[in-house]
N, C-alpha and C. Protein backbone atom coordinates (compact mmCIF):
# COMPACT_ATOMS: atom_id res chain seq x y z
N MET A 1 44.86 31.09 -1.83
CA MET A 1 44.75 32.38 -1.18
C MET A 1 45.22 32.30 0.27
N ARG A 2 44.94 31.17 0.89
CA ARG A 2 45.36 31.00 2.30
C ARG A 2 46.87 31.16 2.42
N ASN A 3 47.61 30.52 1.52
CA ASN A 3 49.07 30.61 1.58
C ASN A 3 49.55 32.04 1.39
N ARG A 4 48.90 32.79 0.51
CA ARG A 4 49.31 34.17 0.29
C ARG A 4 49.05 35.01 1.55
N VAL A 5 47.94 34.77 2.22
CA VAL A 5 47.66 35.51 3.46
C VAL A 5 48.67 35.12 4.53
N LEU A 6 49.04 33.84 4.58
CA LEU A 6 50.04 33.40 5.55
C LEU A 6 51.42 33.99 5.27
N ARG A 7 51.64 34.48 4.05
CA ARG A 7 52.88 35.19 3.73
C ARG A 7 52.77 36.68 4.03
N GLY A 8 51.60 37.12 4.53
CA GLY A 8 51.44 38.50 4.93
C GLY A 8 50.59 39.36 4.01
N GLU A 9 50.07 38.79 2.93
CA GLU A 9 49.24 39.55 2.00
C GLU A 9 47.80 39.65 2.52
N SER A 10 47.11 40.69 2.09
CA SER A 10 45.70 40.88 2.41
C SER A 10 44.90 40.96 1.12
N PHE A 11 43.64 40.58 1.18
CA PHE A 11 42.70 40.71 0.07
C PHE A 11 41.51 41.53 0.55
N ILE A 12 41.07 42.45 -0.28
CA ILE A 12 39.89 43.24 0.07
C ILE A 12 38.94 43.21 -1.12
N GLY A 13 37.76 42.66 -0.90
CA GLY A 13 36.72 42.68 -1.92
C GLY A 13 37.00 41.87 -3.16
N LEU A 14 37.68 40.76 -3.02
CA LEU A 14 37.94 39.88 -4.15
C LEU A 14 36.61 39.22 -4.55
N GLY A 15 36.20 39.41 -5.79
CA GLY A 15 34.92 38.84 -6.24
C GLY A 15 35.08 37.40 -6.69
N LEU A 16 34.22 36.54 -6.19
CA LEU A 16 34.24 35.13 -6.54
C LEU A 16 32.83 34.66 -6.85
N ARG A 17 32.70 33.68 -7.72
CA ARG A 17 31.41 33.05 -8.00
C ARG A 17 31.51 31.62 -7.49
N ARG A 18 30.57 31.22 -6.65
CA ARG A 18 30.59 29.89 -6.04
C ARG A 18 29.22 29.24 -6.17
N GLN A 19 29.20 27.94 -5.93
CA GLN A 19 27.97 27.18 -5.97
C GLN A 19 27.62 26.71 -4.56
N LYS A 20 26.37 26.96 -4.17
CA LYS A 20 25.90 26.51 -2.86
C LYS A 20 25.58 25.02 -2.91
N ARG A 21 25.36 24.43 -1.76
CA ARG A 21 25.07 22.99 -1.69
C ARG A 21 23.83 22.61 -2.49
N ASP A 22 22.86 23.54 -2.57
CA ASP A 22 21.64 23.25 -3.32
C ASP A 22 21.80 23.47 -4.82
N GLY A 23 23.00 23.86 -5.26
CA GLY A 23 23.27 24.02 -6.68
C GLY A 23 23.14 25.46 -7.20
N THR A 24 22.57 26.35 -6.42
CA THR A 24 22.42 27.73 -6.88
C THR A 24 23.78 28.44 -6.87
N GLN A 25 23.95 29.33 -7.83
CA GLN A 25 25.18 30.11 -7.95
C GLN A 25 25.06 31.39 -7.12
N VAL A 26 26.14 31.77 -6.48
CA VAL A 26 26.18 33.02 -5.72
C VAL A 26 27.46 33.77 -6.06
N ASN A 27 27.35 35.09 -6.03
CA ASN A 27 28.51 35.95 -6.16
C ASN A 27 28.86 36.41 -4.75
N ILE A 28 30.13 36.26 -4.39
CA ILE A 28 30.55 36.67 -3.06
C ILE A 28 31.74 37.60 -3.15
N SER A 29 31.87 38.42 -2.14
CA SER A 29 33.03 39.25 -1.96
C SER A 29 33.83 38.64 -0.82
N PHE A 30 35.12 38.44 -1.05
CA PHE A 30 35.97 37.78 -0.07
C PHE A 30 37.09 38.74 0.33
N SER A 31 37.23 38.94 1.62
CA SER A 31 38.33 39.74 2.16
C SER A 31 39.02 38.91 3.23
N ALA A 32 40.34 38.99 3.29
CA ALA A 32 41.09 38.25 4.29
C ALA A 32 42.38 39.00 4.61
N ALA A 33 42.83 38.82 5.84
CA ALA A 33 44.07 39.46 6.29
C ALA A 33 44.69 38.64 7.40
N PRO A 34 46.02 38.69 7.50
CA PRO A 34 46.68 37.99 8.59
C PRO A 34 46.50 38.75 9.91
N LEU A 35 46.41 38.01 10.99
CA LEU A 35 46.39 38.60 12.33
C LEU A 35 47.73 38.28 12.98
N CYS A 36 48.42 39.32 13.40
CA CYS A 36 49.76 39.14 13.95
C CYS A 36 49.76 39.27 15.47
N ASP A 37 50.67 38.54 16.10
CA ASP A 37 50.85 38.65 17.55
C ASP A 37 51.73 39.86 17.86
N SER A 38 52.06 40.05 19.11
CA SER A 38 52.84 41.22 19.53
C SER A 38 54.26 41.21 18.97
N HIS A 39 54.72 40.07 18.45
CA HIS A 39 56.07 39.96 17.88
C HIS A 39 56.05 40.10 16.35
N GLY A 40 54.87 40.31 15.79
CA GLY A 40 54.75 40.44 14.34
C GLY A 40 54.61 39.13 13.60
N ASN A 41 54.49 38.02 14.34
CA ASN A 41 54.30 36.71 13.72
C ASN A 41 52.82 36.51 13.40
N ILE A 42 52.55 35.89 12.27
CA ILE A 42 51.15 35.62 11.90
C ILE A 42 50.61 34.54 12.82
N ALA A 43 49.58 34.89 13.57
CA ALA A 43 48.98 33.97 14.53
C ALA A 43 47.67 33.36 14.02
N ASP A 44 47.01 34.06 13.10
CA ASP A 44 45.71 33.60 12.62
C ASP A 44 45.36 34.38 11.36
N ILE A 45 44.22 34.04 10.80
CA ILE A 45 43.69 34.74 9.62
C ILE A 45 42.27 35.16 9.92
N VAL A 46 41.93 36.37 9.54
CA VAL A 46 40.55 36.83 9.64
C VAL A 46 40.02 36.92 8.22
N GLY A 47 38.81 36.42 8.02
CA GLY A 47 38.20 36.45 6.69
C GLY A 47 36.74 36.86 6.76
N ILE A 48 36.29 37.51 5.72
CA ILE A 48 34.89 37.95 5.63
C ILE A 48 34.36 37.56 4.26
N LEU A 49 33.24 36.89 4.24
CA LEU A 49 32.53 36.55 3.01
C LEU A 49 31.19 37.28 3.02
N ALA A 50 30.85 37.89 1.90
CA ALA A 50 29.57 38.58 1.81
C ALA A 50 28.90 38.21 0.49
N ASP A 51 27.62 37.88 0.54
CA ASP A 51 26.84 37.58 -0.65
C ASP A 51 26.55 38.90 -1.36
N ILE A 52 27.02 39.04 -2.60
CA ILE A 52 26.81 40.28 -3.34
C ILE A 52 25.97 40.06 -4.59
N ILE A 53 25.13 39.04 -4.59
CA ILE A 53 24.33 38.73 -5.78
C ILE A 53 23.40 39.89 -6.15
N GLU A 54 22.80 40.54 -5.17
CA GLU A 54 21.90 41.67 -5.47
C GLU A 54 22.69 42.85 -6.02
N GLN A 55 23.86 43.09 -5.47
CA GLN A 55 24.71 44.17 -5.96
C GLN A 55 25.09 43.92 -7.42
N LYS A 56 25.49 42.69 -7.74
CA LYS A 56 25.85 42.36 -9.12
C LYS A 56 24.64 42.51 -10.04
N ARG A 57 23.46 42.11 -9.58
CA ARG A 57 22.24 42.21 -10.39
C ARG A 57 21.95 43.67 -10.72
N MET A 58 22.08 44.56 -9.71
CA MET A 58 21.80 45.97 -9.93
C MET A 58 22.83 46.60 -10.88
N VAL A 59 24.08 46.23 -10.75
CA VAL A 59 25.11 46.74 -11.67
C VAL A 59 24.81 46.30 -13.09
N ASP A 60 24.43 45.04 -13.26
CA ASP A 60 24.10 44.55 -14.59
C ASP A 60 22.89 45.28 -15.16
N GLU A 61 21.88 45.55 -14.33
CA GLU A 61 20.70 46.29 -14.79
C GLU A 61 21.06 47.71 -15.21
N LEU A 62 21.94 48.36 -14.45
CA LEU A 62 22.37 49.71 -14.80
C LEU A 62 23.14 49.72 -16.12
N ARG A 63 23.99 48.75 -16.31
CA ARG A 63 24.74 48.65 -17.57
C ARG A 63 23.78 48.45 -18.74
N TYR A 64 22.78 47.61 -18.55
CA TYR A 64 21.81 47.33 -19.62
C TYR A 64 20.99 48.59 -19.91
N ALA A 65 20.63 49.33 -18.87
CA ALA A 65 19.82 50.54 -19.04
C ALA A 65 20.58 51.63 -19.80
N LYS A 66 21.91 51.68 -19.65
CA LYS A 66 22.72 52.68 -20.35
C LYS A 66 22.74 52.43 -21.86
N ASN A 67 22.63 51.18 -22.26
CA ASN A 67 22.70 50.84 -23.69
C ASN A 67 21.36 50.89 -24.28
């Protein structure tokens, strides 16, 4: 993903499942975008990670309740 952002692509709300150091699984939302300087060259990357485990749990509960 880093290489794609360095080519100018952005990601918004990409869902990923990861394992924490203690072994617990977490669902995260990942967003990233290139930061450009005044000449339009990519100077850095900004990224945001958010734990969405509660959101996923509520969506799953709603799906179960519909059936």
